[in-house]
Amino acid sequence: MDNPPEQHRHPLAYEDDAFMNTPSARSLRILSEYLKPLNTFRQQRIRDTIVFFGSARVKEDGPLAQYYHEARELSRLLTEWCETFENPNHRFVVCTGGGPGIMEAANRGANDAKGKTVGLNIRLPFEQLPNPYITPELSFEFHYFFMRKFWFAYLAKALVVFPGGFGTMDELFEVLTLSQTKKLHKNMITILYGSKFWKEVVNFDALIKHGVISAEDMQLFRFVDSPAEAFTVLQQFLTENYLHPKKPLPKQELETPAIAESLK
């Protein structure tokens, strides 16, 4: 009598790479780019972040080298300050896009201060590899730009924007739009580092003149020109709004969905 044919066992759906890379599984891929960072931030006890944006093309010894060194110094100052907090959770952790240039400088400054630091990298056709200064457990790689942007905005209490190109502009103006339209539901400060650069490349006065923004919208951000000035502004804002707030924090901020629950 012939032996029965050997049974073939199909992989579980979530273990089936062929299926997981189909359009039908796109929602699962998107959800995974929310859940994996969420789980990691819980485990690493990351409460909130200070996000640094800026050009990947700025080199340590290039034409705009001053911005590399000043981003590194500011990040070091902030991280050293935060490392003095008596708190089991990590506050105001420096977070970047994880690549070279200003991103590397900011991660490097936090690393100099022996603090944790986050890198939210994006997988591109031209490879953008994570810089070596990111805390290994906090180095993420995203496929979807919008999920990466979500994690930039979700935990941020402050945004420091150094000179940059299309990517930096995109990230800056998206956050300014969220602030302008009251979609952030929290107090967040946006700093434009390098007033000469920003006032040259963006004519804010012309936007007001033509009526496409209001004069009050200029209060959504402020200019700074040195690590010491930026540190003073950030320290004062974060202390008054989060460490020792003069008025109760908004309900949304107290909850900080899912993360705060795990940090109680």
C-alpha atoms as a PDB file:
ATOM      1  CA  MET A   1       0.000   0.000   0.000  1.00  0.00           C
ATOM      2  CA  ASP A   2       1.373   3.452  -0.974  1.00  0.00           C
ATOM      3  CA  ASN A   3       2.327   5.857   1.794  1.00  0.00           C
ATOM      4  CA  PRO A   4      -0.034   8.879   2.059  1.00  0.00           C
ATOM      5  CA  PRO A   5       1.422  12.108   0.668  1.00  0.00           C
ATOM      6  CA  GLU A   6       3.273  14.210   3.227  1.00  0.00           C
ATOM      7  CA  GLN A   7       1.132  17.023   4.570  1.00  0.00           C
ATOM      8  CA  HIS A   8       2.366  20.557   3.792  1.00  0.00           C
ATOM      9  CA  ARG A   9       1.854  23.056   6.565  1.00  0.00           C
ATOM     10  CA  HIS A  10       1.284  26.645   5.477  1.00  0.00           C
ATOM     11  CA  PRO A  11       2.867  29.457   7.493  1.00  0.00           C
ATOM     12  CA  LEU A  12       0.799  31.525   9.861  1.00  0.00           C
ATOM     13  CA  ALA A  13      -0.489  34.642   8.142  1.00  0.00           C
ATOM     14  CA  TYR A  14       1.749  37.036  10.107  1.00  0.00           C
ATOM     15  CA  GLU A  15       4.771  34.794   9.371  1.00  0.00           C
ATOM     16  CA  ASP A  16       4.055  34.751   5.640  1.00  0.00           C
ATOM     17  CA  ASP A  17       6.445  37.326   4.150  1.00  0.00           C
ATOM     18  CA  ALA A  18       4.853  37.060   0.726  1.00  0.00           C
ATOM     19  CA  PHE A  19       1.474  38.007   2.170  1.00  0.00           C
ATOM     20  CA  MET A  20       2.803  40.674   4.538  1.00  0.00           C
ATOM     21  CA  ASN A  21       4.298  42.552   1.584  1.00  0.00           C
ATOM     22  CA  THR A  22       1.062  42.656  -0.425  1.00  0.00           C
ATOM     23  CA  PRO A  23      -1.292  45.673  -0.688  1.00  0.00           C
ATOM     24  CA  SER A  24      -3.836  43.673   1.347  1.00  0.00           C
ATOM     25  CA  ALA A  25      -1.514  43.723   4.374  1.00  0.00           C
ATOM     26  CA  ARG A  26      -0.655  47.426   4.155  1.00  0.00           C
ATOM     27  CA  SER A  27      -2.768  48.270   7.207  1.00  0.00           C
ATOM     28  CA  LEU A  28      -0.804  45.708   9.238  1.00  0.00           C
ATOM     29  CA  ARG A  29       2.501  47.204   8.129  1.00  0.00           C
ATOM     30  CA  ILE A  30       1.314  50.692   9.073  1.00  0.00           C
ATOM     31  CA  LEU A  31       0.089  49.473  12.459  1.00  0.00           C
ATOM     32  CA  SER A  32       3.406  47.763  13.136  1.00  0.00           C
ATOM     33  CA  GLU A  33       5.206  51.096  12.637  1.00  0.00           C
ATOM     34  CA  TYR A  34       3.022  52.485  15.415  1.00  0.00           C
ATOM     35  CA  LEU A  35       3.136  49.526  17.809  1.00  0.00           C
ATOM     36  CA  LYS A  36       6.828  48.638  17.678  1.00  0.00           C
ATOM     37  CA  PRO A  37       8.074  52.133  18.659  1.00  0.00           C
ATOM     38  CA  LEU A  38       5.292  52.386  21.255  1.00  0.00           C
ATOM     39  CA  ASN A  39       6.408  49.123  22.862  1.00  0.00           C
ATOM     40  CA  THR A  40      10.057  50.179  22.803  1.00  0.00           C
ATOM     41  CA  PHE A  41       9.383  53.602  24.337  1.00  0.00           C
ATOM     42  CA  ARG A  42       7.461  51.868  27.122  1.00  0.00           C
ATOM     43  CA  GLN A  43      10.303  49.456  27.789  1.00  0.00           C
ATOM     44  CA  GLN A  44      12.952  52.196  27.704  1.00  0.00           C
ATOM     45  CA  ARG A  45      10.770  54.525  29.811  1.00  0.00           C
ATOM     46  CA  ILE A  46      10.966  57.408  27.366  1.00  0.00           C
ATOM     47  CA  ARG A  47       8.456  60.011  28.549  1.00  0.00           C
ATOM     48  CA  ASP A  48       8.992  62.741  25.971  1.00  0.00           C
ATOM     49  CA  THR A  49      11.520  64.155  23.512  1.00  0.00           C
ATOM     50  CA  ILE A  50      13.232  67.238  22.118  1.00  0.00           C
ATOM     51  CA  VAL A  51      13.385  66.852  18.341  1.00  0.00           C
ATOM     52  CA  PHE A  52      16.286  68.189  16.262  1.00  0.00           C
ATOM     53  CA  PHE A  53      15.723  68.734  12.539  1.00  0.00           C
ATOM     54  CA  GLY A  54      18.344  69.891  10.024  1.00  0.00           C
ATOM     55  CA  SER A  55      20.212  69.040   6.866  1.00  0.00           C
ATOM     56  CA  ALA A  56      21.814  65.645   6.368  1.00  0.00           C
ATOM     57  CA  ARG A  57      24.383  67.432   4.168  1.00  0.00           C
ATOM     58  CA  VAL A  58      25.987  69.488   6.934  1.00  0.00           C
ATOM     59  CA  LYS A  59      29.432  68.034   7.632  1.00  0.00           C
ATOM     60  CA  GLU A  60      31.657  68.287  10.669  1.00  0.00           C
ATOM     61  CA  ASP A  61      34.316  70.063   8.572  1.00  0.00           C
ATOM     62  CA  GLY A  62      32.260  71.516   5.685  1.00  0.00           C
ATOM     63  CA  PRO A  63      30.962  75.007   4.756  1.00  0.00           C
ATOM     64  CA  LEU A  64      28.193  74.880   7.390  1.00  0.00           C
ATOM     65  CA  ALA A  65      30.331  73.123  10.006  1.00  0.00           C
ATOM     66  CA  GLN A  66      29.434  75.671  12.707  1.00  0.00           C
ATOM     67  CA  TYR A  67      25.870  74.309  12.737  1.00  0.00           C
ATOM     68  CA  TYR A  68      27.139  70.735  13.196  1.00  0.00           C
ATOM     69  CA  HIS A  69      29.234  71.736  16.225  1.00  0.00           C
ATOM     70  CA  GLU A  70      26.511  73.946  17.702  1.00  0.00           C
ATOM     71  CA  ALA A  71      23.865  71.220  17.344  1.00  0.00           C
ATOM     72  CA  ARG A  72      26.204  68.816  19.108  1.00  0.00           C
ATOM     73  CA  GLU A  73      26.871  71.320  21.909  1.00  0.00           C
ATOM     74  CA  LEU A  74      23.193  72.163  22.433  1.00  0.00           C
ATOM     75  CA  SER A  75      22.262  68.491  22.552  1.00  0.00           C
ATOM     76  CA  ARG A  76      25.015  67.845  25.100  1.00  0.00           C
ATOM     77  CA  LEU A  77      23.835  70.709  27.309  1.00  0.00           C
ATOM     78  CA  LEU A  78      20.222  69.547  27.219  1.00  0.00           C
ATOM     79  CA  THR A  79      21.090  65.928  27.924  1.00  0.00           C
ATOM     80  CA  GLU A  80      23.408  66.778  30.818  1.00  0.00           C
ATOM     81  CA  TRP A  81      20.611  68.864  32.346  1.00  0.00           C
ATOM     82  CA  CYS A  82      18.044  66.098  31.916  1.00  0.00           C
ATOM     83  CA  GLU A  83      20.380  63.516  33.411  1.00  0.00           C
ATOM     84  CA  THR A  84      20.197  65.432  36.718  1.00  0.00           C
ATOM     85  CA  PHE A  85      16.449  64.797  37.133  1.00  0.00           C
ATOM     86  CA  GLU A  86      15.430  62.416  39.894  1.00  0.00           C
ATOM     87  CA  ASN A  87      12.868  60.576  37.821  1.00  0.00           C
ATOM     88  CA  PRO A  88      12.585  56.909  36.808  1.00  0.00           C
ATOM     89  CA  ASN A  89      11.394  58.061  33.379  1.00  0.00           C
ATOM     90  CA  HIS A  90      13.608  59.698  30.785  1.00  0.00           C
ATOM     91  CA  ARG A  91      12.503  63.283  30.109  1.00  0.00           C
ATOM     92  CA  PHE A  92      13.183  65.433  27.052  1.00  0.00           C
ATOM     93  CA  VAL A  93      15.291  62.824  25.254  1.00  0.00           C
ATOM     94  CA  VAL A  94      17.057  64.127  22.149  1.00  0.00           C
ATOM     95  CA  CYS A  95      15.422  62.671  19.044  1.00  0.00           C
ATOM     96  CA  THR A  96      16.480  63.022  15.388  1.00  0.00           C
ATOM     97  CA  GLY A  97      15.844  61.517  11.984  1.00  0.00           C
ATOM     98  CA  GLY A  98      18.731  59.173  12.653  1.00  0.00           C
ATOM     99  CA  GLY A  99      20.874  60.031   9.644  1.00  0.00           C
ATOM    100  CA  PRO A 100      24.038  62.073   9.048  1.00  0.00           C
ATOM    101  CA  GLY A 101      24.614  65.830   9.270  1.00  0.00           C
ATOM    102  CA  ILE A 102      22.678  67.758  11.920  1.00  0.00           C
ATOM    103  CA  MET A 103      20.959  64.518  12.950  1.00  0.00           C
ATOM    104  CA  GLU A 104      24.299  62.873  13.679  1.00  0.00           C
ATOM    105  CA  ALA A 105      25.521  65.971  15.536  1.00  0.00           C
ATOM    106  CA  ALA A 106      22.500  66.004  17.866  1.00  0.00           C
ATOM    107  CA  ASN A 107      22.659  62.269  18.587  1.00  0.00           C
ATOM    108  CA  ARG A 108      26.398  62.649  19.129  1.00  0.00           C
ATOM    109  CA  GLY A 109      25.950  65.443  21.663  1.00  0.00           C
ATOM    110  CA  ALA A 110      23.506  63.360  23.678  1.00  0.00           C
ATOM    111  CA  ASN A 111      25.923  60.443  23.482  1.00  0.00           C
ATOM    112  CA  ASP A 112      28.735  62.727  24.719  1.00  0.00           C
ATOM    113  CA  ALA A 113      26.598  63.359  27.810  1.00  0.00           C
ATOM    114  CA  LYS A 114      26.034  59.599  28.229  1.00  0.00           C
ATOM    115  CA  GLY A 115      22.279  59.940  27.821  1.00  0.00           C
ATOM    116  CA  LYS A 116      19.740  58.027  25.781  1.00  0.00           C
ATOM    117  CA  THR A 117      19.032  59.379  22.299  1.00  0.00           C
ATOM    118  CA  VAL A 118      16.492  58.395  19.622  1.00  0.00           C
ATOM    119  CA  GLY A 119      16.902  57.979  15.860  1.00  0.00           C
ATOM    120  CA  LEU A 120      13.843  57.697  13.606  1.00  0.00           C
ATOM    121  CA  ASN A 121      15.397  56.682  10.311  1.00  0.00           C
ATOM    122  CA  ILE A 122      13.612  56.262   6.973  1.00  0.00           C
ATOM    123  CA  ARG A 123      14.402  53.595   4.386  1.00  0.00           C
ATOM    124  CA  LEU A 124      15.142  55.342   1.089  1.00  0.00           C
ATOM    125  CA  PRO A 125      16.238  54.166  -2.397  1.00  0.00           C
ATOM    126  CA  PHE A 126      19.546  55.928  -1.714  1.00  0.00           C
ATOM    127  CA  GLU A 127      20.529  54.363   1.572  1.00  0.00           C
ATOM    128  CA  GLN A 128      20.414  56.576   4.667  1.00  0.00           C
ATOM    129  CA  LEU A 129      22.121  54.498   7.309  1.00  0.00           C
ATOM    130  CA  PRO A 130      21.636  55.198  11.020  1.00  0.00           C
ATOM    131  CA  ASN A 131      24.458  57.235  12.510  1.00  0.00           C
ATOM    132  CA  PRO A 132      26.586  55.457  15.158  1.00  0.00           C
ATOM    133  CA  TYR A 133      25.583  57.718  18.065  1.00  0.00           C
ATOM    134  CA  ILE A 134      21.968  56.584  18.477  1.00  0.00           C
ATOM    135  CA  THR A 135      21.183  54.459  21.526  1.00  0.00           C
ATOM    136  CA  PRO A 136      20.979  50.993  19.878  1.00  0.00           C
ATOM    137  CA  GLU A 137      17.630  50.100  21.493  1.00  0.00           C
ATOM    138  CA  LEU A 138      16.170  53.405  20.263  1.00  0.00           C
ATOM    139  CA  SER A 139      17.187  53.175  16.620  1.00  0.00           C
ATOM    140  CA  PHE A 140      14.116  52.739  14.403  1.00  0.00           C
ATOM    141  CA  GLU A 141      13.663  52.328  10.672  1.00  0.00           C
ATOM    142  CA  PHE A 142      10.446  53.378   8.935  1.00  0.00           C
ATOM    143  CA  HIS A 143       8.959  52.699   5.526  1.00  0.00           C
ATOM    144  CA  TYR A 144       6.139  55.238   5.817  1.00  0.00           C
ATOM    145  CA  PHE A 145       7.044  58.909   6.091  1.00  0.00           C
ATOM    146  CA  PHE A 146       3.753  59.738   7.811  1.00  0.00           C
ATOM    147  CA  MET A 147       4.339  57.206  10.608  1.00  0.00           C
ATOM    148  CA  ARG A 148       7.828  58.584  11.122  1.00  0.00           C
ATOM    149  CA  LYS A 149       6.381  62.111  11.317  1.00  0.00           C
ATOM    150  CA  PHE A 150       3.789  60.892  13.823  1.00  0.00           C
ATOM    151  CA  TRP A 151       6.528  59.750  16.190  1.00  0.00           C
ATOM    152  CA  PHE A 152       8.424  63.021  15.749  1.00  0.00           C
ATOM    153  CA  ALA A 153       5.360  64.991  16.848  1.00  0.00           C
ATOM    154  CA  TYR A 154       3.746  62.616  19.346  1.00  0.00           C
ATOM    155  CA  LEU A 155       6.327  62.760  22.139  1.00  0.00           C
ATOM    156  CA  ALA A 156       7.953  66.104  21.344  1.00  0.00           C
ATOM    157  CA  LYS A 157       7.830  68.944  23.840  1.00  0.00           C
ATOM    158  CA  ALA A 158      10.253  71.073  21.838  1.00  0.00           C
ATOM    159  CA  LEU A 159      11.464  71.284  18.260  1.00  0.00           C
ATOM    160  CA  VAL A 160      14.868  72.715  17.292  1.00  0.00           C
ATOM    161  CA  VAL A 161      15.216  73.328  13.557  1.00  0.00           C
ATOM    162  CA  PHE A 162      18.681  73.892  12.148  1.00  0.00           C
ATOM    163  CA  PRO A 163      19.343  74.963   8.533  1.00  0.00           C
ATOM    164  CA  GLY A 164      18.149  72.380   6.036  1.00  0.00           C
ATOM    165  CA  GLY A 165      16.535  71.728   2.689  1.00  0.00           C
ATOM    166  CA  PHE A 166      13.322  70.152   1.428  1.00  0.00           C
ATOM    167  CA  GLY A 167      13.089  67.508   4.161  1.00  0.00           C
ATOM    168  CA  THR A 168      13.732  69.978   6.976  1.00  0.00           C
ATOM    169  CA  MET A 169      11.247  72.461   5.485  1.00  0.00           C
ATOM    170  CA  ASP A 170       8.618  69.743   5.145  1.00  0.00           C
ATOM    171  CA  GLU A 171       9.012  68.677   8.769  1.00  0.00           C
ATOM    172  CA  LEU A 172       9.102  72.256  10.079  1.00  0.00           C
ATOM    173  CA  PHE A 173       6.015  73.477   8.248  1.00  0.00           C
ATOM    174  CA  GLU A 174       3.999  70.386   9.104  1.00  0.00           C
ATOM    175  CA  VAL A 175       4.591  70.992  12.817  1.00  0.00           C
ATOM    176  CA  LEU A 176       3.874  74.726  12.446  1.00  0.00           C
ATOM    177  CA  THR A 177       0.600  73.842  10.710  1.00  0.00           C
ATOM    178  CA  LEU A 178      -0.344  71.498  13.544  1.00  0.00           C
ATOM    179  CA  SER A 179       0.452  74.243  16.061  1.00  0.00           C
ATOM    180  CA  GLN A 180      -1.423  76.898  14.092  1.00  0.00           C
ATOM    181  CA  THR A 181      -4.544  74.731  13.809  1.00  0.00           C
ATOM    182  CA  LYS A 182      -4.422  73.630  17.490  1.00  0.00           C
ATOM    183  CA  LYS A 183      -4.026  69.960  16.616  1.00  0.00           C
ATOM    184  CA  LEU A 184      -1.155  69.242  18.986  1.00  0.00           C
ATOM    185  CA  HIS A 185      -3.185  69.587  22.242  1.00  0.00           C
ATOM    186  CA  LYS A 186      -0.048  70.423  24.191  1.00  0.00           C
ATOM    187  CA  ASN A 187       2.405  73.227  24.765  1.00  0.00           C
ATOM    188  CA  MET A 188       5.350  72.883  22.407  1.00  0.00           C
ATOM    189  CA  ILE A 189       8.071  75.343  21.524  1.00  0.00           C
ATOM    190  CA  THR A 190       9.606  75.562  18.046  1.00  0.00           C
ATOM    191  CA  ILE A 191      13.032  77.150  17.714  1.00  0.00           C
ATOM    192  CA  LEU A 192      14.598  78.188  14.404  1.00  0.00           C
ATOM    193  CA  TYR A 193      18.336  77.988  14.916  1.00  0.00           C
ATOM    194  CA  GLY A 194      20.324  80.440  12.797  1.00  0.00           C
ATOM    195  CA  SER A 195      18.240  83.568  12.250  1.00  0.00           C
ATOM    196  CA  LYS A 196      20.337  84.807   9.297  1.00  0.00           C
ATOM    197  CA  PHE A 197      19.721  81.565   7.386  1.00  0.00           C
ATOM    198  CA  TRP A 198      16.009  81.327   8.132  1.00  0.00           C
ATOM    199  CA  LYS A 199      15.214  84.980   7.424  1.00  0.00           C
ATOM    200  CA  GLU A 200      17.018  84.679   4.091  1.00  0.00           C
ATOM    201  CA  VAL A 201      15.408  81.454   2.864  1.00  0.00           C
ATOM    202  CA  VAL A 202      11.875  82.102   4.186  1.00  0.00           C
ATOM    203  CA  ASN A 203      10.411  85.583   3.760  1.00  0.00           C
ATOM    204  CA  PHE A 204       8.038  85.548   6.706  1.00  0.00           C
ATOM    205  CA  ASP A 205       7.327  89.278   6.332  1.00  0.00           C
ATOM    206  CA  ALA A 206       6.127  88.699   2.767  1.00  0.00           C
ATOM    207  CA  LEU A 207       3.764  85.967   3.947  1.00  0.00           C
ATOM    208  CA  ILE A 208       2.238  88.435   6.396  1.00  0.00           C
ATOM    209  CA  LYS A 209       2.177  91.232   3.788  1.00  0.00           C
ATOM    210  CA  HIS A 210       0.250  89.060   1.330  1.00  0.00           C
ATOM    211  CA  GLY A 211      -2.180  87.935   4.021  1.00  0.00           C
ATOM    212  CA  VAL A 212      -1.446  84.203   3.822  1.00  0.00           C
ATOM    213  CA  ILE A 213      -0.426  84.083   7.482  1.00  0.00           C
ATOM    214  CA  SER A 214      -1.266  86.460  10.314  1.00  0.00           C
ATOM    215  CA  ALA A 215       1.201  88.493  12.334  1.00  0.00           C
ATOM    216  CA  GLU A 216       0.242  86.377  15.358  1.00  0.00           C
ATOM    217  CA  ASP A 217       1.541  83.265  13.598  1.00  0.00           C
ATOM    218  CA  MET A 218       5.064  84.580  14.137  1.00  0.00           C
ATOM    219  CA  GLN A 219       4.534  83.674  17.814  1.00  0.00           C
ATOM    220  CA  LEU A 220       4.544  79.979  16.841  1.00  0.00           C
ATOM    221  CA  PHE A 221       8.352  79.992  16.768  1.00  0.00           C
ATOM    222  CA  ARG A 222      11.368  82.020  17.785  1.00  0.00           C
ATOM    223  CA  PHE A 223      14.876  82.531  16.472  1.00  0.00           C
ATOM    224  CA  VAL A 224      18.082  81.719  18.365  1.00  0.00           C
ATOM    225  CA  ASP A 225      21.737  82.007  17.381  1.00  0.00           C
ATOM    226  CA  SER A 226      23.849  80.141  19.920  1.00  0.00           C
ATOM    227  CA  PRO A 227      23.765  76.920  21.953  1.00  0.00           C
ATOM    228  CA  ALA A 228      23.724  78.919  25.200  1.00  0.00           C
ATOM    229  CA  GLU A 229      20.751  81.027  24.068  1.00  0.00           C
ATOM    230  CA  ALA A 230      18.845  77.982  22.818  1.00  0.00           C
ATOM    231  CA  PHE A 231      19.535  76.066  26.025  1.00  0.00           C
ATOM    232  CA  THR A 232      18.296  78.950  28.186  1.00  0.00           C
ATOM    233  CA  VAL A 233      15.092  79.296  26.140  1.00  0.00           C
ATOM    234  CA  LEU A 234      14.394  75.547  26.187  1.00  0.00           C
ATOM    235  CA  GLN A 235      15.226  75.097  29.867  1.00  0.00           C
ATOM    236  CA  GLN A 236      12.906  77.951  30.856  1.00  0.00           C
ATOM    237  CA  PHE A 237      10.045  76.733  28.629  1.00  0.00           C
ATOM    238  CA  LEU A 238      10.264  73.096  29.719  1.00  0.00           C
ATOM    239  CA  THR A 239      10.568  73.991  33.397  1.00  0.00           C
ATOM    240  CA  GLU A 240       7.616  76.399  33.373  1.00  0.00           C
ATOM    241  CA  ASN A 241       5.368  74.193  31.240  1.00  0.00           C
ATOM    242  CA  TYR A 242       6.281  70.657  32.327  1.00  0.00           C
ATOM    243  CA  LEU A 243       8.583  70.353  35.316  1.00  0.00           C
ATOM    244  CA  HIS A 244       6.953  73.040  37.475  1.00  0.00           C
ATOM    245  CA  PRO A 245       3.856  74.150  35.550  1.00  0.00           C
ATOM    246  CA  LYS A 246       2.103  77.307  36.734  1.00  0.00           C
ATOM    247  CA  LYS A 247      -1.270  75.878  35.734  1.00  0.00           C
ATOM    248  CA  PRO A 248      -2.562  72.302  35.448  1.00  0.00           C
ATOM    249  CA  LEU A 249      -1.409  70.401  32.389  1.00  0.00           C
ATOM    250  CA  PRO A 250      -4.052  69.621  29.749  1.00  0.00           C
ATOM    251  CA  LYS A 251      -5.798  66.273  30.187  1.00  0.00           C
ATOM    252  CA  GLN A 252      -4.291  65.022  26.927  1.00  0.00           C
ATOM    253  CA  GLU A 253      -0.804  65.744  28.216  1.00  0.00           C
ATOM    254  CA  LEU A 254      -1.416  63.960  31.511  1.00  0.00           C
ATOM    255  CA  GLU A 255      -2.604  60.908  29.640  1.00  0.00           C
ATOM    256  CA  THR A 256      -0.047  60.864  26.801  1.00  0.00           C
ATOM    257  CA  PRO A 257      -1.982  57.831  25.496  1.00  0.00           C
ATOM    258  CA  ALA A 258      -0.640  54.391  26.272  1.00  0.00           C
ATOM    259  CA  ILE A 259       2.857  55.526  27.217  1.00  0.00           C
ATOM    260  CA  ALA A 260       1.975  57.400  30.403  1.00  0.00           C
ATOM    261  CA  GLU A 261      -0.209  54.497  31.484  1.00  0.00           C
ATOM    262  CA  SER A 262       2.815  52.234  31.515  1.00  0.00           C
ATOM    263  CA  LEU A 263       4.917  54.796  33.380  1.00  0.00           C
ATOM    264  CA  LYS A 264       2.658  55.267  36.416  1.00  0.00           C
END
